[in-house]
N, C-alpha and C. Protein backbone atom coordinates (compact mmCIF):
# COMPACT_ATOMS: atom_id res chain seq x y z
N MET A 1 190.64 110.71 73.43
CA MET A 1 189.77 110.15 72.42
C MET A 1 188.77 111.21 72.02
N LYS A 2 188.50 111.32 70.70
CA LYS A 2 187.55 112.31 70.21
C LYS A 2 186.13 111.87 70.53
N LYS A 3 185.27 112.88 70.58
CA LYS A 3 183.86 112.61 70.86
C LYS A 3 183.26 111.82 69.71
N TYR A 4 182.44 110.81 70.03
CA TYR A 4 181.76 109.92 69.08
C TYR A 4 182.72 109.08 68.24
N LYS A 5 183.94 108.90 68.69
CA LYS A 5 184.91 108.10 67.95
C LYS A 5 185.36 106.91 68.79
N ILE A 6 185.64 105.82 68.11
CA ILE A 6 186.12 104.60 68.76
C ILE A 6 187.49 104.27 68.18
N ALA A 7 188.40 103.86 69.04
CA ALA A 7 189.71 103.44 68.58
C ALA A 7 189.58 102.04 67.99
N VAL A 8 189.96 101.89 66.72
CA VAL A 8 189.87 100.61 66.04
C VAL A 8 191.27 100.19 65.61
N ARG A 9 191.60 98.94 65.84
CA ARG A 9 192.88 98.41 65.36
C ARG A 9 192.58 97.27 64.40
N TYR A 10 193.35 97.16 63.37
CA TYR A 10 193.16 96.12 62.36
C TYR A 10 194.23 95.06 62.52
N GLU A 11 193.81 93.81 62.46
CA GLU A 11 194.75 92.70 62.58
C GLU A 11 194.55 91.77 61.39
N ASN A 12 195.63 91.15 60.97
CA ASN A 12 195.56 90.18 59.89
C ASN A 12 195.03 88.86 60.44
N THR A 13 193.98 88.36 59.81
CA THR A 13 193.42 87.08 60.19
C THR A 13 193.38 86.20 58.95
N ASP A 14 192.84 84.99 59.11
CA ASP A 14 192.76 84.10 57.96
C ASP A 14 191.77 84.61 56.91
N ARG A 15 190.91 85.55 57.29
CA ARG A 15 189.95 86.14 56.34
C ARG A 15 190.40 87.50 55.83
N GLY A 16 191.59 87.86 56.11
CA GLY A 16 192.10 89.16 55.70
C GLY A 16 192.20 90.08 56.91
N ARG A 17 192.21 91.38 56.66
CA ARG A 17 192.30 92.35 57.74
C ARG A 17 190.94 92.52 58.41
N SER A 18 190.90 92.37 59.72
CA SER A 18 189.65 92.48 60.47
C SER A 18 189.77 93.57 61.51
N PRO A 19 188.70 94.38 61.67
CA PRO A 19 188.75 95.44 62.69
C PRO A 19 188.42 94.88 64.07
N PHE A 20 189.09 95.41 65.10
CA PHE A 20 188.84 95.05 66.48
C PHE A 20 188.73 96.34 67.29
N PHE A 21 187.80 96.35 68.27
CA PHE A 21 187.64 97.51 69.13
C PHE A 21 187.20 97.05 70.51
N ASP A 22 187.31 97.96 71.47
CA ASP A 22 186.96 97.66 72.85
C ASP A 22 185.47 97.94 73.06
N ILE A 23 184.74 96.98 73.62
CA ILE A 23 183.29 97.10 73.83
C ILE A 23 182.97 98.26 74.77
N SER A 24 183.83 98.50 75.76
CA SER A 24 183.57 99.59 76.70
C SER A 24 183.59 100.94 75.98
N GLU A 25 184.43 101.07 74.95
CA GLU A 25 184.44 102.31 74.17
C GLU A 25 183.14 102.46 73.38
N LEU A 26 182.62 101.37 72.87
CA LEU A 26 181.36 101.41 72.15
C LEU A 26 180.23 101.86 73.08
N ASP A 27 180.20 101.32 74.30
CA ASP A 27 179.20 101.74 75.28
C ASP A 27 179.35 103.22 75.61
N ARG A 28 180.59 103.70 75.73
CA ARG A 28 180.84 105.10 76.03
C ARG A 28 180.28 105.99 74.93
N VAL A 29 180.49 105.61 73.66
CA VAL A 29 180.00 106.41 72.53
C VAL A 29 178.47 106.40 72.50
N LYS A 30 177.89 105.26 72.77
CA LYS A 30 176.42 105.19 72.78
C LYS A 30 175.83 106.07 73.86
N LEU A 31 176.49 106.11 75.03
CA LEU A 31 176.01 106.98 76.11
C LEU A 31 176.20 108.45 75.74
N GLU A 32 177.26 108.78 75.02
CA GLU A 32 177.47 110.17 74.60
C GLU A 32 176.39 110.60 73.60
N ARG A 33 176.07 109.73 72.69
CA ARG A 33 175.06 110.07 71.66
C ARG A 33 173.65 110.07 72.24
N ASP A 34 173.34 109.05 73.04
CA ASP A 34 171.99 108.92 73.60
C ASP A 34 172.12 108.62 75.09
N PRO A 35 171.91 109.64 75.93
CA PRO A 35 172.08 109.43 77.38
C PRO A 35 171.09 108.42 77.96
N THR A 36 170.00 108.12 77.26
CA THR A 36 169.03 107.15 77.78
C THR A 36 169.41 105.72 77.43
N TYR A 37 170.54 105.51 76.74
CA TYR A 37 170.98 104.17 76.36
C TYR A 37 171.30 103.36 77.61
N ARG A 38 170.80 102.12 77.64
CA ARG A 38 171.12 101.18 78.69
C ARG A 38 171.57 99.88 78.04
N PRO A 39 172.57 99.21 78.61
CA PRO A 39 172.98 97.93 78.04
C PRO A 39 171.82 96.93 78.04
N ALA A 40 171.84 96.00 77.10
CA ALA A 40 170.77 95.03 76.96
C ALA A 40 170.69 94.09 78.15
N ILE A 41 171.83 93.76 78.73
CA ILE A 41 171.86 92.83 79.86
C ILE A 41 172.06 93.64 81.13
N SER A 42 171.12 93.54 82.04
CA SER A 42 171.20 94.27 83.30
C SER A 42 171.79 93.36 84.36
N THR A 43 172.58 93.93 85.24
CA THR A 43 173.20 93.13 86.28
C THR A 43 172.32 93.01 87.51
N GLY A 44 171.35 93.92 87.67
CA GLY A 44 170.48 93.88 88.84
C GLY A 44 169.02 93.78 88.43
N LEU A 45 168.19 93.40 89.39
CA LEU A 45 166.76 93.33 89.13
C LEU A 45 166.13 94.70 89.33
N VAL A 46 165.24 95.06 88.43
CA VAL A 46 164.56 96.34 88.52
C VAL A 46 163.11 96.06 88.89
N PRO A 47 162.62 96.63 89.99
CA PRO A 47 161.24 96.39 90.37
C PRO A 47 160.28 97.05 89.36
N VAL A 48 159.23 96.33 89.02
CA VAL A 48 158.24 96.83 88.09
C VAL A 48 157.00 97.21 88.87
N THR A 49 156.57 98.45 88.71
CA THR A 49 155.35 98.89 89.37
C THR A 49 154.29 99.15 88.32
N VAL A 50 153.08 98.71 88.60
CA VAL A 50 151.97 98.88 87.67
C VAL A 50 150.96 99.81 88.32
N THR A 51 150.62 100.87 87.61
CA THR A 51 149.67 101.83 88.16
C THR A 51 148.24 101.34 87.98
N GLN A 52 147.32 101.97 88.68
CA GLN A 52 145.91 101.61 88.58
C GLN A 52 145.41 101.86 87.16
N GLU A 53 145.89 102.92 86.53
CA GLU A 53 145.48 103.23 85.16
C GLU A 53 145.93 102.14 84.19
N GLU A 54 147.15 101.64 84.37
CA GLU A 54 147.63 100.55 83.52
C GLU A 54 146.82 99.29 83.73
N ARG A 55 146.41 99.01 85.00
CA ARG A 55 145.58 97.84 85.28
C ARG A 55 144.23 97.96 84.58
N SER A 56 143.62 99.16 84.64
CA SER A 56 142.32 99.33 83.99
C SER A 56 142.45 99.24 82.47
N LEU A 57 143.54 99.75 81.91
CA LEU A 57 143.76 99.63 80.47
C LEU A 57 143.94 98.17 80.07
N ALA A 58 144.63 97.40 80.90
CA ALA A 58 144.81 95.97 80.62
C ALA A 58 143.47 95.25 80.68
N ALA A 59 142.61 95.63 81.62
CA ALA A 59 141.30 95.00 81.72
C ALA A 59 140.44 95.34 80.50
N ILE A 60 140.53 96.58 80.05
CA ILE A 60 139.79 96.98 78.85
C ILE A 60 140.29 96.21 77.64
N ALA A 61 141.61 96.07 77.52
CA ALA A 61 142.18 95.33 76.39
C ALA A 61 141.73 93.88 76.42
N GLU A 62 141.69 93.28 77.61
CA GLU A 62 141.24 91.89 77.73
C GLU A 62 139.77 91.76 77.35
N SER A 63 138.95 92.73 77.75
CA SER A 63 137.53 92.72 77.38
C SER A 63 137.36 92.83 75.87
N LEU A 64 138.16 93.70 75.25
CA LEU A 64 138.08 93.86 73.79
C LEU A 64 138.48 92.57 73.07
N LYS A 65 139.49 91.86 73.60
CA LYS A 65 139.89 90.58 73.01
C LYS A 65 138.75 89.57 73.10
N THR A 66 138.07 89.53 74.25
CA THR A 66 136.95 88.61 74.43
C THR A 66 135.82 88.92 73.47
N ILE A 67 135.52 90.22 73.31
CA ILE A 67 134.45 90.63 72.39
C ILE A 67 134.82 90.27 70.96
N ALA A 68 136.08 90.50 70.59
CA ALA A 68 136.52 90.17 69.22
C ALA A 68 136.43 88.68 68.96
N CYS A 69 136.80 87.87 69.96
CA CYS A 69 136.72 86.41 69.81
C CYS A 69 135.27 85.96 69.66
N ALA A 70 134.38 86.52 70.48
CA ALA A 70 132.96 86.17 70.40
C ALA A 70 132.37 86.59 69.06
N THR A 71 132.76 87.77 68.59
CA THR A 71 132.26 88.26 67.30
C THR A 71 132.70 87.35 66.17
N SER A 72 133.96 86.92 66.19
CA SER A 72 134.44 86.04 65.13
C SER A 72 133.74 84.68 65.19
N SER A 73 133.44 84.19 66.41
CA SER A 73 132.72 82.92 66.54
C SER A 73 131.31 83.03 65.99
N ILE A 74 130.64 84.14 66.29
CA ILE A 74 129.28 84.35 65.79
C ILE A 74 129.30 84.46 64.27
N THR A 75 130.27 85.19 63.73
CA THR A 75 130.38 85.33 62.28
C THR A 75 130.60 83.97 61.63
N ALA A 76 131.50 83.16 62.21
CA ALA A 76 131.75 81.82 61.65
C ALA A 76 130.50 80.96 61.72
N TYR A 77 129.72 81.07 62.80
CA TYR A 77 128.49 80.28 62.93
C TYR A 77 127.51 80.64 61.82
N TYR A 78 127.33 81.93 61.58
CA TYR A 78 126.38 82.35 60.54
C TYR A 78 126.88 81.99 59.14
N GLN A 79 128.20 82.00 58.94
CA GLN A 79 128.73 81.57 57.64
C GLN A 79 128.43 80.10 57.41
N VAL A 80 128.63 79.27 58.43
CA VAL A 80 128.36 77.84 58.30
C VAL A 80 126.86 77.60 58.12
N ALA A 81 126.04 78.35 58.86
CA ALA A 81 124.58 78.20 58.72
C ALA A 81 124.14 78.57 57.31
N ALA A 82 124.72 79.61 56.74
CA ALA A 82 124.38 80.01 55.37
C ALA A 82 124.82 78.94 54.37
N ILE A 83 125.96 78.33 54.61
CA ILE A 83 126.45 77.27 53.72
C ILE A 83 125.54 76.05 53.81
N LEU A 84 125.11 75.69 55.04
CA LEU A 84 124.25 74.52 55.21
C LEU A 84 122.89 74.70 54.55
N ALA A 85 122.44 75.93 54.43
CA ALA A 85 121.13 76.19 53.83
C ALA A 85 121.16 76.02 52.31
N LYS A 86 122.34 75.92 51.73
CA LYS A 86 122.45 75.78 50.28
C LYS A 86 122.07 74.37 49.83
N LYS A 87 121.70 74.25 48.58
CA LYS A 87 121.34 72.96 47.99
C LYS A 87 122.59 72.18 47.57
N SER A 88 123.68 72.89 47.26
CA SER A 88 124.94 72.22 46.92
C SER A 88 126.10 73.07 47.44
N LEU A 89 127.20 72.38 47.69
CA LEU A 89 128.39 73.03 48.24
C LEU A 89 129.51 73.02 47.23
N SER A 90 130.34 74.06 47.25
CA SER A 90 131.57 74.03 46.47
C SER A 90 132.63 73.32 47.31
N ILE A 91 133.74 72.99 46.69
CA ILE A 91 134.82 72.34 47.43
C ILE A 91 135.34 73.27 48.51
N ARG A 92 135.43 74.54 48.19
CA ARG A 92 135.95 75.52 49.15
C ARG A 92 135.04 75.59 50.38
N GLU A 93 133.74 75.64 50.16
CA GLU A 93 132.80 75.68 51.28
C GLU A 93 132.89 74.41 52.12
N ALA A 94 133.01 73.27 51.47
CA ALA A 94 133.13 72.00 52.20
C ALA A 94 134.44 71.98 53.00
N ALA A 95 135.50 72.54 52.44
CA ALA A 95 136.78 72.59 53.15
C ALA A 95 136.68 73.50 54.37
N ILE A 96 135.98 74.62 54.24
CA ILE A 96 135.82 75.54 55.37
C ILE A 96 135.03 74.87 56.48
N MET A 97 133.96 74.18 56.11
CA MET A 97 133.11 73.54 57.11
C MET A 97 133.82 72.41 57.83
N SER A 98 134.59 71.63 57.09
CA SER A 98 135.18 70.42 57.68
C SER A 98 136.57 70.63 58.25
N GLY A 99 137.27 71.63 57.75
CA GLY A 99 138.66 71.82 58.16
C GLY A 99 139.61 70.94 57.38
N LEU A 100 139.09 70.21 56.39
CA LEU A 100 139.92 69.37 55.53
C LEU A 100 140.45 70.21 54.37
N SER A 101 141.52 69.75 53.75
CA SER A 101 142.09 70.51 52.65
C SER A 101 141.30 70.30 51.37
N ILE A 102 141.39 71.26 50.48
CA ILE A 102 140.70 71.18 49.19
C ILE A 102 141.24 70.01 48.38
N ASN A 103 142.54 69.78 48.42
CA ASN A 103 143.14 68.67 47.67
C ASN A 103 142.64 67.32 48.19
N PHE A 104 142.47 67.19 49.50
CA PHE A 104 141.95 65.97 50.09
C PHE A 104 140.54 65.70 49.59
N LEU A 105 139.71 66.74 49.58
CA LEU A 105 138.33 66.59 49.11
C LEU A 105 138.29 66.26 47.62
N LYS A 106 139.15 66.89 46.82
CA LYS A 106 139.20 66.60 45.39
C LYS A 106 139.58 65.15 45.15
N TYR A 107 140.54 64.66 45.92
CA TYR A 107 140.97 63.27 45.78
C TYR A 107 139.79 62.33 46.01
N HIS A 108 139.04 62.56 47.08
CA HIS A 108 137.92 61.69 47.40
C HIS A 108 136.76 61.85 46.42
N LEU A 109 136.62 63.02 45.82
CA LEU A 109 135.62 63.18 44.77
C LEU A 109 136.00 62.35 43.55
N LYS A 110 137.29 62.38 43.19
CA LYS A 110 137.75 61.64 42.02
C LYS A 110 137.69 60.13 42.23
N THR A 111 137.96 59.67 43.47
CA THR A 111 137.93 58.23 43.73
C THR A 111 136.53 57.72 44.00
N GLY A 112 135.57 58.61 44.21
CA GLY A 112 134.19 58.20 44.42
C GLY A 112 133.79 58.03 45.87
N ASN A 113 134.71 58.27 46.80
CA ASN A 113 134.37 58.19 48.22
C ASN A 113 133.41 59.30 48.65
N LEU A 114 133.53 60.43 48.00
CA LEU A 114 132.65 61.57 48.25
C LEU A 114 131.86 61.80 46.97
N VAL A 115 130.54 61.84 47.10
CA VAL A 115 129.69 61.96 45.91
C VAL A 115 129.56 63.43 45.55
N GLY A 116 129.85 63.73 44.29
CA GLY A 116 129.73 65.09 43.79
C GLY A 116 129.60 65.09 42.29
N LYS A 117 129.33 66.24 41.74
CA LYS A 117 129.15 66.40 40.29
C LYS A 117 130.10 67.47 39.82
N LYS A 118 130.82 67.17 38.73
CA LYS A 118 131.73 68.15 38.17
C LYS A 118 130.97 68.99 37.16
N LEU A 119 130.91 70.29 37.41
CA LEU A 119 130.24 71.23 36.51
C LEU A 119 131.31 72.17 35.96
N GLY A 120 131.68 71.95 34.72
CA GLY A 120 132.76 72.75 34.14
C GLY A 120 134.08 72.39 34.80
N ARG A 121 134.72 73.37 35.41
CA ARG A 121 135.99 73.12 36.08
C ARG A 121 135.84 72.92 37.58
N SER A 122 134.64 73.13 38.12
CA SER A 122 134.46 73.03 39.57
C SER A 122 133.54 71.87 39.94
N TRP A 123 133.65 71.46 41.18
CA TRP A 123 132.83 70.38 41.71
C TRP A 123 131.72 70.97 42.56
N ARG A 124 130.56 70.31 42.55
CA ARG A 124 129.45 70.64 43.45
C ARG A 124 129.14 69.39 44.26
N ILE A 125 128.92 69.58 45.55
CA ILE A 125 128.71 68.47 46.47
C ILE A 125 127.35 68.64 47.14
N CYS A 126 126.59 67.56 47.24
CA CYS A 126 125.30 67.57 47.93
C CYS A 126 125.59 67.59 49.45
N PRO A 127 124.95 68.49 50.21
CA PRO A 127 125.25 68.56 51.65
C PRO A 127 125.01 67.25 52.39
N GLN A 128 123.98 66.49 52.00
CA GLN A 128 123.71 65.22 52.69
C GLN A 128 124.82 64.21 52.45
N SER A 129 125.31 64.13 51.20
CA SER A 129 126.41 63.19 50.93
C SER A 129 127.69 63.65 51.62
N PHE A 130 127.86 64.95 51.77
CA PHE A 130 129.03 65.47 52.47
C PHE A 130 128.97 65.08 53.95
N GLU A 131 127.78 65.17 54.55
CA GLU A 131 127.64 64.77 55.95
C GLU A 131 127.92 63.28 56.13
N ARG A 132 127.44 62.45 55.20
CA ARG A 132 127.72 61.01 55.28
C ARG A 132 129.21 60.74 55.15
N PHE A 133 129.85 61.44 54.23
CA PHE A 133 131.29 61.30 54.03
C PHE A 133 132.05 61.65 55.31
N MET A 134 131.65 62.74 55.97
CA MET A 134 132.34 63.15 57.20
C MET A 134 132.14 62.09 58.30
N VAL A 135 130.95 61.51 58.40
CA VAL A 135 130.72 60.46 59.40
C VAL A 135 131.59 59.25 59.09
N ASP A 136 131.69 58.88 57.80
CA ASP A 136 132.52 57.74 57.42
C ASP A 136 133.99 57.99 57.70
N ILE A 137 134.45 59.20 57.44
CA ILE A 137 135.86 59.54 57.67
C ILE A 137 136.20 59.36 59.15
N PHE A 138 135.35 59.89 60.03
CA PHE A 138 135.67 59.83 61.44
C PHE A 138 135.37 58.46 62.06
N LYS A 139 134.57 57.65 61.37
CA LYS A 139 134.33 56.30 61.83
C LYS A 139 135.58 55.45 61.66
N GLU A 140 136.33 55.71 60.56
CA GLU A 140 137.53 54.91 60.25
C GLU A 140 138.66 55.21 61.22
N THR A 141 138.74 56.44 61.74
CA THR A 141 139.87 56.80 62.59
C THR A 141 139.67 56.46 64.01
């Protein structure tokens, strides 16, 4: 057999001529091209050793994840605090604060369950009426 070549035989099937080859030959060619190739399925267990350096890197990565999570929480808190300080809320701001969808809030604005004022194409909501609406929503459930 030539180097980097696989013996292929063609057989007639219901879908036409289909190529067939031996998997062991494919593995042989892969090993010839890349000696570091290993089959995907291993027959034995390989012990995994973790060095002290890898442990310290994992600890640093975990600390960075914790810091990133805390930073995002602080950022979200200040965003909500800035929204609460406003005299009126947009639908988008109300959706961010409540976790409800914009379409859900629009529906309740149109039906009158949530008090708001339409200014042009957008709605403005009074923060106090929004808080009452949220209390009423969770009271029903």
